[in-house]
Protein backbone atom coordinates (compact mmCIF):
# COMPACT_ATOMS: atom_id res chain seq x y z
CA UNK A 1 -4.89 23.62 62.54
CA UNK A 2 -8.62 23.66 61.97
CA UNK A 3 -8.75 20.46 59.89
CA UNK A 4 -7.86 16.98 61.00
CA UNK A 5 -4.97 15.20 59.32
CA UNK A 6 -7.51 13.06 57.44
CA UNK A 7 -8.56 16.13 55.47
CA UNK A 8 -5.15 16.81 53.95
CA UNK A 9 -2.97 13.70 54.09
CA UNK A 10 -1.35 14.41 50.72
CA UNK A 11 -0.68 18.12 51.21
CA UNK A 12 0.66 17.35 54.67
CA UNK A 13 2.86 14.51 53.38
CA UNK A 14 4.29 16.86 50.77
CA UNK A 15 5.06 19.36 53.54
CA UNK A 16 6.73 16.60 55.58
CA UNK A 17 8.91 15.64 52.63
CA UNK A 18 9.87 19.25 51.82
CA UNK A 19 10.76 20.23 55.38
CA UNK A 20 12.58 16.98 56.11
CA UNK A 21 14.71 16.92 52.96
CA UNK A 22 18.38 17.19 53.89
CA UNK A 23 21.35 17.35 51.52
CA UNK A 24 22.54 13.98 52.87
CA UNK A 25 19.22 12.33 51.94
CA UNK A 26 19.61 13.19 48.25
CA UNK A 27 21.48 10.58 46.14
CA UNK A 28 24.68 11.76 44.43
CA UNK A 29 23.21 11.25 40.95
CA UNK A 30 20.30 13.56 41.82
CA UNK A 31 22.71 16.24 43.09
CA UNK A 32 24.75 15.92 39.89
CA UNK A 33 21.60 16.20 37.78
CA UNK A 34 20.09 19.19 39.63
CA UNK A 35 23.29 21.18 39.10
CA UNK A 36 23.07 20.62 35.34
CA UNK A 37 19.39 21.55 35.39
CA UNK A 38 20.15 24.77 37.30
CA UNK A 39 22.93 25.64 34.87
CA UNK A 40 20.61 25.10 31.92
CA UNK A 41 17.88 27.32 33.37
CA UNK A 42 20.28 30.16 34.13
CA UNK A 43 21.60 30.03 30.56
CA UNK A 44 18.05 30.22 29.25
CA UNK A 45 17.33 33.21 31.50
CA UNK A 46 20.45 35.08 30.45
CA UNK A 47 19.52 34.67 26.79
CA UNK A 48 15.95 35.64 27.67
CA UNK A 49 17.09 38.94 29.17
CA UNK A 50 17.63 40.30 25.65
CA UNK A 51 14.17 39.42 24.34
CA UNK A 52 11.51 42.00 23.55
CA UNK A 53 8.86 40.70 25.93
CA UNK A 54 11.33 40.49 28.80
CA UNK A 55 12.27 44.12 28.21
CA UNK A 56 8.67 45.29 28.13
CA UNK A 57 7.89 43.45 31.35
CA UNK A 58 11.06 44.65 33.09
CA UNK A 59 10.57 48.29 32.07
CA UNK A 60 6.89 48.28 33.01
CA UNK A 61 7.59 46.90 36.48
CA UNK A 62 10.57 49.20 37.02
CA UNK A 63 8.33 52.19 36.32
CA UNK A 64 6.06 51.29 39.23
CA UNK A 65 8.41 49.45 41.59
CA UNK A 66 11.01 51.29 43.66
CA UNK A 67 12.26 48.13 45.36
CA UNK A 68 15.85 47.02 44.92
CA UNK A 69 16.03 43.75 46.84
CA UNK A 70 16.42 41.38 43.90
CA UNK A 71 18.19 41.39 40.54
CA UNK A 72 16.66 40.84 37.15
CA UNK A 73 19.23 38.33 35.89
CA UNK A 74 21.50 39.45 33.09
CA UNK A 75 20.72 43.14 33.66
CA UNK A 76 21.54 45.94 36.10
CA UNK A 77 17.86 46.36 37.03
CA UNK A 78 16.78 45.63 40.59
CA UNK A 79 13.16 45.23 41.70
CA UNK A 80 11.20 43.94 44.66
CA UNK A 81 11.63 40.17 45.04
CA UNK A 82 8.16 39.20 43.70
CA UNK A 83 8.56 41.37 40.61
CA UNK A 84 12.09 40.07 40.02
CA UNK A 85 10.77 36.50 40.25
CA UNK A 86 8.09 37.39 37.71
CA UNK A 87 10.64 38.73 35.22
CA UNK A 88 13.25 36.04 35.82
CA UNK A 89 10.74 33.23 35.37
CA UNK A 90 9.62 34.89 32.16
CA UNK A 91 13.23 35.04 30.98
CA UNK A 92 13.87 31.35 31.70
CA UNK A 93 10.76 30.40 29.70
CA UNK A 94 11.30 33.23 27.24
CA UNK A 95 12.39 31.35 24.12
CA UNK A 96 11.24 27.72 24.43
CA UNK A 97 14.73 26.66 25.50
CA UNK A 98 14.11 25.53 29.06
CA UNK A 99 13.60 22.15 30.69
CA UNK A 100 10.43 20.06 30.76
CA UNK A 101 9.22 17.19 32.91
CA UNK A 102 7.51 15.27 30.16
CA UNK A 103 5.15 13.10 32.21
CA UNK A 104 4.33 15.86 34.66
CA UNK A 105 4.02 18.39 31.80
CA UNK A 106 5.94 21.13 33.61
CA UNK A 107 8.83 23.52 32.94
CA UNK A 108 10.39 23.13 36.38
CA UNK A 109 13.42 25.42 36.58
CA UNK A 110 11.45 28.43 35.37
CA UNK A 111 9.13 28.24 38.38
CA UNK A 112 11.48 26.98 41.12
CA UNK A 113 14.66 29.00 40.64
CA UNK A 114 13.41 32.62 40.41
CA UNK A 115 11.63 32.34 43.76
CA UNK A 116 14.42 30.38 45.44
CA UNK A 117 17.25 32.58 44.19
CA UNK A 118 15.34 35.69 45.30
CA UNK A 119 15.33 34.23 48.82
CA UNK A 120 19.02 33.32 48.64
CA UNK A 121 19.83 36.82 47.42
CA UNK A 122 17.78 38.60 50.09
CA UNK A 123 18.61 36.45 53.11
CA UNK A 124 22.23 35.55 52.35
CA UNK A 125 21.97 32.58 54.71
CA UNK A 126 21.73 29.66 52.28
CA UNK A 127 24.92 27.79 51.52
CA UNK A 128 25.25 25.78 48.34
CA UNK A 129 24.24 22.44 49.84
CA UNK A 130 21.11 23.87 51.45
CA UNK A 131 20.26 25.63 48.20
CA UNK A 132 20.54 22.36 46.29
CA UNK A 133 18.23 20.63 48.78
CA UNK A 134 15.67 23.43 48.42
CA UNK A 135 15.90 23.23 44.63
CA UNK A 136 15.36 19.46 44.68
CA UNK A 137 12.33 19.95 46.95
CA UNK A 138 10.82 22.22 44.31
CA UNK A 139 11.72 19.95 41.40
CA UNK A 140 10.15 16.96 43.15
CA UNK A 141 6.71 18.43 43.92
CA UNK A 142 5.29 20.13 40.79
CA UNK A 143 5.85 17.11 38.52
CA UNK A 144 4.00 14.91 41.03
CA UNK A 145 1.00 17.25 40.85
CA UNK A 146 1.24 16.90 37.08
CA UNK A 147 1.29 13.11 37.33
CA UNK A 148 -1.75 13.31 39.59
CA UNK A 149 -3.68 15.44 37.07
CA UNK A 150 -2.57 13.52 33.97
CA UNK A 151 -2.36 14.74 30.35
CA UNK A 152 -6.04 15.68 30.41
CA UNK A 153 -5.10 18.78 32.39
CA UNK A 154 -3.38 20.44 29.44
CA UNK A 155 -5.86 18.91 27.00
CA UNK A 156 -8.64 20.83 28.78
CA UNK A 157 -6.81 24.07 28.03
CA UNK A 158 -4.87 24.77 31.21
CA UNK A 159 -1.25 25.81 30.71
CA UNK A 160 0.29 23.34 33.11
CA UNK A 161 3.50 25.29 33.62
CA UNK A 162 1.42 28.07 35.08
CA UNK A 163 -0.99 25.95 37.11
CA UNK A 164 1.15 23.09 38.43
CA UNK A 165 4.17 25.34 38.75
CA UNK A 166 2.92 27.18 41.83
CA UNK A 167 3.41 24.02 43.90
CA UNK A 168 7.01 23.57 42.75
CA UNK A 169 7.76 27.23 43.42
CA UNK A 170 6.17 27.17 46.87
CA UNK A 171 7.93 23.95 47.87
CA UNK A 172 11.36 25.24 46.87
CA UNK A 173 10.79 28.61 48.51
CA UNK A 174 9.44 27.03 51.70
CA UNK A 175 12.51 24.80 51.98
CA UNK A 176 14.73 27.80 51.22
CA UNK A 177 13.12 29.72 54.08
CA UNK A 178 13.33 26.64 56.35
CA UNK A 179 9.61 26.78 57.11
CA UNK A 180 8.18 24.15 59.43
CA UNK A 181 5.61 21.58 58.32
CA UNK A 182 2.50 23.63 59.14
CA UNK A 183 3.94 26.75 57.51
CA UNK A 184 4.76 24.72 54.41
CA UNK A 185 1.18 23.41 54.25
CA UNK A 186 0.01 27.02 54.25
CA UNK A 187 2.61 28.06 51.68
CA UNK A 188 1.25 25.37 49.34
CA UNK A 189 -2.31 26.46 50.11
CA UNK A 190 -1.59 30.12 49.38
CA UNK A 191 0.24 29.28 46.16
CA UNK A 192 -2.36 26.76 44.97
CA UNK A 193 -5.22 29.22 44.99
CA UNK A 194 -3.22 31.51 42.68
CA UNK A 195 -2.84 28.85 39.96
CA UNK A 196 -3.88 30.12 36.52
CA UNK A 197 -2.85 30.04 32.87
CA UNK A 198 -4.62 29.38 29.57
CA UNK A 199 -3.14 27.34 26.71
CA UNK A 200 -4.65 29.67 24.10
CA UNK A 201 -1.59 31.81 24.87
CA UNK A 202 0.39 29.44 22.60
CA UNK A 203 -1.06 30.93 19.42
CA UNK A 204 1.16 34.00 19.29
CA UNK A 205 0.85 36.08 22.47
CA UNK A 206 3.72 37.33 24.60
CA UNK A 207 1.78 36.43 27.75
CA UNK A 208 2.63 32.74 27.28
CA UNK A 209 6.20 33.64 28.26
CA UNK A 210 4.98 35.26 31.48
CA UNK A 211 3.08 32.27 32.86
CA UNK A 212 6.13 30.66 34.48
CA UNK A 213 7.20 33.92 36.07
CA UNK A 214 3.75 34.47 37.49
CA UNK A 215 3.79 30.95 38.88
CA UNK A 216 7.17 31.49 40.54
CA UNK A 217 5.93 34.75 42.00
CA UNK A 218 2.87 32.99 43.44
CA UNK A 219 5.08 30.40 45.12
CA UNK A 220 7.29 33.11 46.58
CA UNK A 221 4.24 34.94 47.95
CA UNK A 222 3.00 31.66 49.43
CA UNK A 223 6.22 30.90 51.30
CA UNK A 224 6.91 34.44 52.50
CA UNK A 225 3.36 35.01 53.70
CA UNK A 226 3.24 31.64 55.45
CA UNK A 227 6.49 32.52 57.23
CA UNK A 228 4.64 35.45 58.84
CA UNK A 229 1.64 33.36 59.88
CA UNK A 230 -0.66 34.03 56.92
CA UNK A 231 -2.86 30.99 56.29
CA UNK A 232 -3.80 29.21 53.08
CA UNK A 233 -6.07 26.35 52.05
CA UNK A 234 -4.81 23.49 54.20
CA UNK A 235 -6.28 20.78 51.98
CA UNK A 236 -5.61 22.67 48.76
CA UNK A 237 -5.04 19.49 46.76
CA UNK A 238 -7.62 17.18 48.35
CA UNK A 239 -10.70 19.34 48.96
CA UNK A 240 -13.72 17.83 47.20
CA UNK A 241 -15.23 21.26 46.67
CA UNK A 242 -12.94 23.99 45.37
CA UNK A 243 -9.69 22.07 45.76
CA UNK A 244 -7.04 22.17 43.06
CA UNK A 245 -7.55 18.63 41.78
CA UNK A 246 -11.34 18.58 41.77
CA UNK A 247 -11.68 22.07 40.31
CA UNK A 248 -9.05 21.85 37.57
CA UNK A 249 -10.24 18.39 36.51
CA UNK A 250 -13.94 19.32 36.87
CA UNK A 251 -14.44 15.97 38.55
CA UNK A 252 -14.10 13.87 41.66
CA UNK A 253 -12.23 11.06 39.93
CA UNK A 254 -10.22 12.22 36.90
CA UNK A 255 -7.04 12.53 38.95
CA UNK A 256 -4.91 10.24 41.09
CA UNK A 257 -4.06 11.64 44.53
CA UNK A 258 -1.69 8.75 45.22
CA UNK A 259 0.71 10.20 42.62
CA UNK A 260 1.25 13.28 44.80
CA UNK A 261 3.41 11.40 47.26
CA UNK A 262 4.39 8.25 45.35
CA UNK A 263 8.00 7.24 45.74
CA UNK A 264 9.19 10.00 48.05
CA UNK A 265 12.82 9.30 48.86
CA UNK A 266 13.16 6.48 46.34
CA UNK A 267 11.81 7.70 42.99
CA UNK A 268 13.31 11.10 42.19
CA UNK A 269 11.23 13.13 39.73
CA UNK A 270 14.21 15.46 39.31
CA UNK A 271 15.71 12.68 37.19
CA UNK A 272 12.64 12.87 34.95
CA UNK A 273 13.35 16.43 33.85
CA UNK A 274 14.47 16.71 30.23
CA UNK A 275 16.50 19.43 28.52
CA UNK A 276 15.93 21.01 25.14
CA UNK A 277 18.40 21.32 22.32
CA UNK A 278 15.96 22.94 19.91
CA UNK A 279 14.51 26.40 20.51
CA UNK A 280 10.91 25.26 20.34
CA UNK A 281 8.25 23.57 22.42
CA UNK A 282 9.15 20.08 23.66
CA UNK A 283 6.33 18.38 21.74
CA UNK A 284 8.22 19.13 18.50
CA UNK A 285 11.58 17.62 19.43
CA UNK A 286 10.96 13.94 18.66
CA UNK A 287 9.89 14.82 15.11
CA UNK A 288 12.98 16.97 14.58
CA UNK A 289 15.21 14.15 15.87
CA UNK A 290 13.39 11.74 13.54
CA UNK A 291 14.11 13.94 10.53
CA UNK A 292 17.79 14.16 11.45
CA UNK A 293 17.94 10.38 11.77
CA UNK A 294 16.33 9.91 8.36
CA UNK A 295 18.68 12.44 6.75
CA UNK A 296 21.65 10.61 8.24
CA UNK A 297 20.42 7.32 6.75
CA UNK A 298 19.54 8.73 3.33
CA UNK A 299 20.59 12.38 2.77
CA UNK A 300 17.87 14.70 1.42
CA UNK A 301 17.12 18.41 1.49
CA UNK A 302 14.00 20.51 1.81
CA UNK A 303 13.78 20.69 -1.97
CA UNK A 304 13.53 16.90 -2.21
CA UNK A 305 10.49 16.69 0.09
CA UNK A 306 7.02 16.07 -1.30
CA UNK A 307 5.25 15.40 2.03
CA UNK A 308 5.96 14.81 5.72
CA UNK A 309 3.45 12.84 7.79
CA UNK A 310 3.77 12.93 11.58
CA UNK A 311 1.63 10.57 13.65
CA UNK A 312 1.53 11.34 17.37
CA UNK A 313 -0.50 11.49 20.56
CA UNK A 314 -3.63 13.56 21.06
CA UNK A 315 -1.57 16.02 23.13
CA UNK A 316 0.90 16.42 20.25
CA UNK A 317 -1.99 16.93 17.83
CA UNK A 318 -3.69 19.56 20.01
CA UNK A 319 -0.54 21.25 21.23
CA UNK A 320 1.50 21.65 18.05
CA UNK A 321 -0.36 20.08 15.11
CA UNK A 322 -2.50 23.07 14.14
CA UNK A 323 -2.29 24.85 10.78
CA UNK A 324 0.50 27.41 10.90
CA UNK A 325 -0.29 31.11 10.76
CA UNK A 326 2.42 33.83 10.96
CA UNK A 327 1.26 35.27 14.30
CA UNK A 328 4.64 36.00 15.86
CA UNK A 329 7.56 34.10 17.32
CA UNK A 330 5.54 32.26 19.96
CA UNK A 331 3.30 30.72 17.33
CA UNK A 332 6.32 29.78 15.22
CA UNK A 333 8.09 28.05 18.11
CA UNK A 334 4.98 26.14 19.15
CA UNK A 335 3.95 24.97 15.69
CA UNK A 336 5.25 21.63 14.44
CA UNK A 337 4.89 22.17 10.67
CA UNK A 338 6.82 25.46 10.91
CA UNK A 339 9.61 23.86 12.95
CA UNK A 340 9.85 20.92 10.53
CA UNK A 341 10.20 23.40 7.66
CA UNK A 342 12.84 25.34 9.59
CA UNK A 343 14.96 22.27 10.32
CA UNK A 344 14.77 21.09 6.71
CA UNK A 345 15.70 24.51 5.31
CA UNK A 346 18.37 25.56 7.84
CA UNK A 347 19.66 22.29 9.25
CA UNK A 348 18.87 23.39 12.81
CA UNK A 349 16.09 24.79 14.96
CA UNK A 350 17.96 26.84 17.59
CA UNK A 351 17.95 30.51 18.58
CA UNK A 352 19.37 31.88 15.33
CA UNK A 353 16.54 30.28 13.34
CA UNK A 354 13.80 32.25 15.12
CA UNK A 355 13.63 35.93 14.23
CA UNK A 356 10.70 38.19 13.45
CA UNK A 357 11.81 38.25 9.81
CA UNK A 358 11.50 34.46 9.59
CA UNK A 359 7.93 34.20 10.93
CA UNK A 360 6.31 34.92 7.55
CA UNK A 361 9.14 33.61 5.37
CA UNK A 362 7.43 32.33 2.18
CA UNK A 363 9.78 29.34 1.86
CA UNK A 364 9.05 28.18 5.40
CA UNK A 365 5.33 28.67 5.01
CA UNK A 366 5.23 26.78 1.72
CA UNK A 367 7.19 23.87 3.18
CA UNK A 368 5.03 23.86 6.33
CA UNK A 369 2.02 23.24 4.07
CA UNK A 370 3.58 19.89 3.12
CA UNK A 371 3.57 18.73 6.75
CA UNK A 372 0.56 16.80 8.06
CA UNK A 373 0.10 15.96 11.74
CA UNK A 374 -2.27 13.11 12.58
CA UNK A 375 -3.56 11.59 15.78
CA UNK A 376 -2.40 8.03 16.45
CA UNK A 377 -4.72 6.46 19.02
CA UNK A 378 -2.20 3.70 19.75
CA UNK A 379 0.38 6.26 20.89
CA UNK A 380 -2.17 8.10 23.05
CA UNK A 381 -3.16 4.79 24.64
CA UNK A 382 0.42 4.28 25.83
CA UNK A 383 -0.05 7.12 28.34
CA UNK A 384 1.68 10.33 29.33
CA UNK A 385 5.14 8.76 29.42
CA UNK A 386 4.93 8.40 25.62
CA UNK A 387 3.07 11.61 24.84
CA UNK A 388 5.96 12.88 22.67
CA UNK A 389 6.40 9.62 20.75
CA UNK A 390 5.99 10.04 16.98
CA UNK A 391 6.04 8.00 13.82
CA UNK A 392 7.41 10.06 10.93
CA UNK A 393 7.14 9.29 7.22
CA UNK A 394 8.89 11.44 4.62
CA UNK A 395 7.87 11.07 0.99
CA UNK A 396 10.43 12.43 -1.46
CA UNK A 397 9.74 13.79 -4.94
CA UNK A 398 11.36 10.70 -6.50
CA UNK A 399 8.82 8.44 -4.78
CA UNK A 400 11.13 7.27 -1.96
CA UNK A 401 9.39 6.81 1.39
CA UNK A 402 11.43 7.03 4.59
CA UNK A 403 10.03 5.97 7.96
CA UNK A 404 11.19 6.06 11.55
CA UNK A 405 9.83 6.10 15.08
CA UNK A 406 11.16 8.14 18.02
CA UNK A 407 9.92 7.65 21.58
CA UNK A 408 11.96 10.33 23.36
CA UNK A 409 14.23 13.13 22.13
CA UNK A 410 17.90 13.88 22.77
CA UNK A 411 18.20 15.45 26.22
CA UNK A 412 15.20 13.54 27.55
CA UNK A 413 15.13 11.61 30.80
CA UNK A 414 15.56 8.43 28.72
CA UNK A 415 18.43 9.85 26.67
CA UNK A 416 19.91 12.56 28.89
CA UNK A 417 22.54 14.92 27.57
CA UNK A 418 26.20 14.76 28.49
CA UNK A 419 27.68 17.33 30.84
CA UNK A 420 29.61 18.73 27.87
CA UNK A 421 26.37 19.18 25.90
CA UNK A 422 24.71 21.04 28.79
CA UNK A 423 27.75 23.25 29.39
CA UNK A 424 28.07 24.04 25.68
CA UNK A 425 24.42 25.10 25.50
CA UNK A 426 24.78 27.22 28.66
CA UNK A 427 27.90 28.97 27.37
CA UNK A 428 26.32 29.60 23.98
CA UNK A 429 23.25 31.22 25.54
CA UNK A 430 24.95 33.09 28.38
CA UNK A 431 27.48 34.64 25.98
CA UNK A 432 24.67 36.71 24.49
CA UNK A 433 24.49 38.66 27.77
CA UNK A 434 27.56 38.20 29.98
CA UNK A 435 31.29 38.63 29.23
CA UNK A 436 33.20 35.39 28.73
CA UNK A 437 35.02 35.53 32.07
CA UNK A 438 31.73 35.92 33.95
CA UNK A 439 30.15 33.06 32.01
CA UNK A 440 33.01 30.82 33.14
CA UNK A 441 32.71 31.98 36.76
CA UNK A 442 28.97 31.29 36.81
CA UNK A 443 29.44 27.89 35.18
CA UNK A 444 32.02 26.86 37.76
CA UNK A 445 29.95 28.21 40.68
CA UNK A 446 26.92 26.15 39.66
CA UNK A 447 28.87 22.97 38.94
CA UNK A 448 30.55 23.25 42.37
CA UNK A 449 27.56 24.52 44.31
CA UNK A 450 28.22 22.36 47.37
CA UNK A 451 31.36 24.42 47.98
CA UNK A 452 29.61 27.80 47.76
CA UNK A 453 29.21 29.42 51.21
CA UNK A 454 26.53 31.83 49.91
CA UNK A 455 24.19 30.66 47.14
CA UNK A 456 23.17 34.27 46.59
CA UNK A 457 26.55 34.70 44.90
CA UNK A 458 25.02 33.06 41.82
CA UNK A 459 22.88 36.16 41.42
CA UNK A 460 25.88 38.46 41.91
CA UNK A 461 27.55 36.77 38.95
CA UNK A 462 24.54 37.53 36.71
CA UNK A 463 24.53 41.30 37.37
CA UNK A 464 25.66 43.67 34.64
CA UNK A 465 27.60 46.67 35.89
């Protein structure tokens, strides 16, 4: 290697962790959790296969790609592995249903699994235990890059799922390919230079859905090229000029390199990944939980509401607190006032509540006008761990004022869902695409992954005949 170890201690330590991670080194509770996280992501992807933007992307790539090495999940279409990873990542992230590492600000499964499953499908040499270790390697790395960069990364306008995600994807793919330490350094360096994604995509464009898929594809390229001896930026995270951290923060000090390797082998970031039980961006979930809590304490309907005031962090304000405009489903799912109106009118905020016909629904738009989102500097000061914390006040037409505070939503790392909740969500989503018997087979295969001799069989179960 052309650089000394002093030039890339963090990138190299990440590579050491990834290559040295064995199934036996992973605590049982982390193995149990990663299986639920995998199941959740696959359910999201199978639902996503039916969405308009997934179809456009799939058909466009199929028209110019004669490869057949990898399946587009929930379809009969086969593409080259990088294009399949692009579509599958898009499907996982396709309807704001997938996981999120709140502190690291990253949708992890959408970037790790498409690349890793493409490898398992092509090589057919990964058993279930090795697959789980590779998945954990991916889930551990991207969130740490997010913790290093802090909430300012997304506040500056970078879509973190697309930028941070390349490191998760590359780590999982490198472990899946059993790359050595130097190859893994290069895989990270190839992936890191491909990082891109703009948060302006949240205001209504389909391309927001594609960011995770592009990130997964970049990680797959990184690992597969490094396997053949292609070289990347060896100090991709540390370089003072043109490195990931210095460039994306536009600084030499607005990041914390120590976070990249903090707690390896003792603090498991996989346990920090939260699941969603509303079909909208994670920043909205605490407010929706708050409204449900208030309705349980003192029943009221949308027609009783005079005003809703949500006080939250600067990230919540910037990310979801903007004035709603009917600019498509993406905008609806990422806008807090719209989602508040939807919950109050329909009693839920899941897949059936988001259709093109609902986007400009006069009742929703009128109720959204009664929702005000304010910045609370005290919440922001508590740091990224509390970035979704909200204080919610509902004023009713009869003058009643209801107040509550929610730090973390149902399904979060602080309030994780039960296995039954995760399975129910998976079955509900997967049933949109697969027959019931296949849904059950896939569920059982994931929940018993250690016993699977060929992890590529998971992909076989997602193919439509």
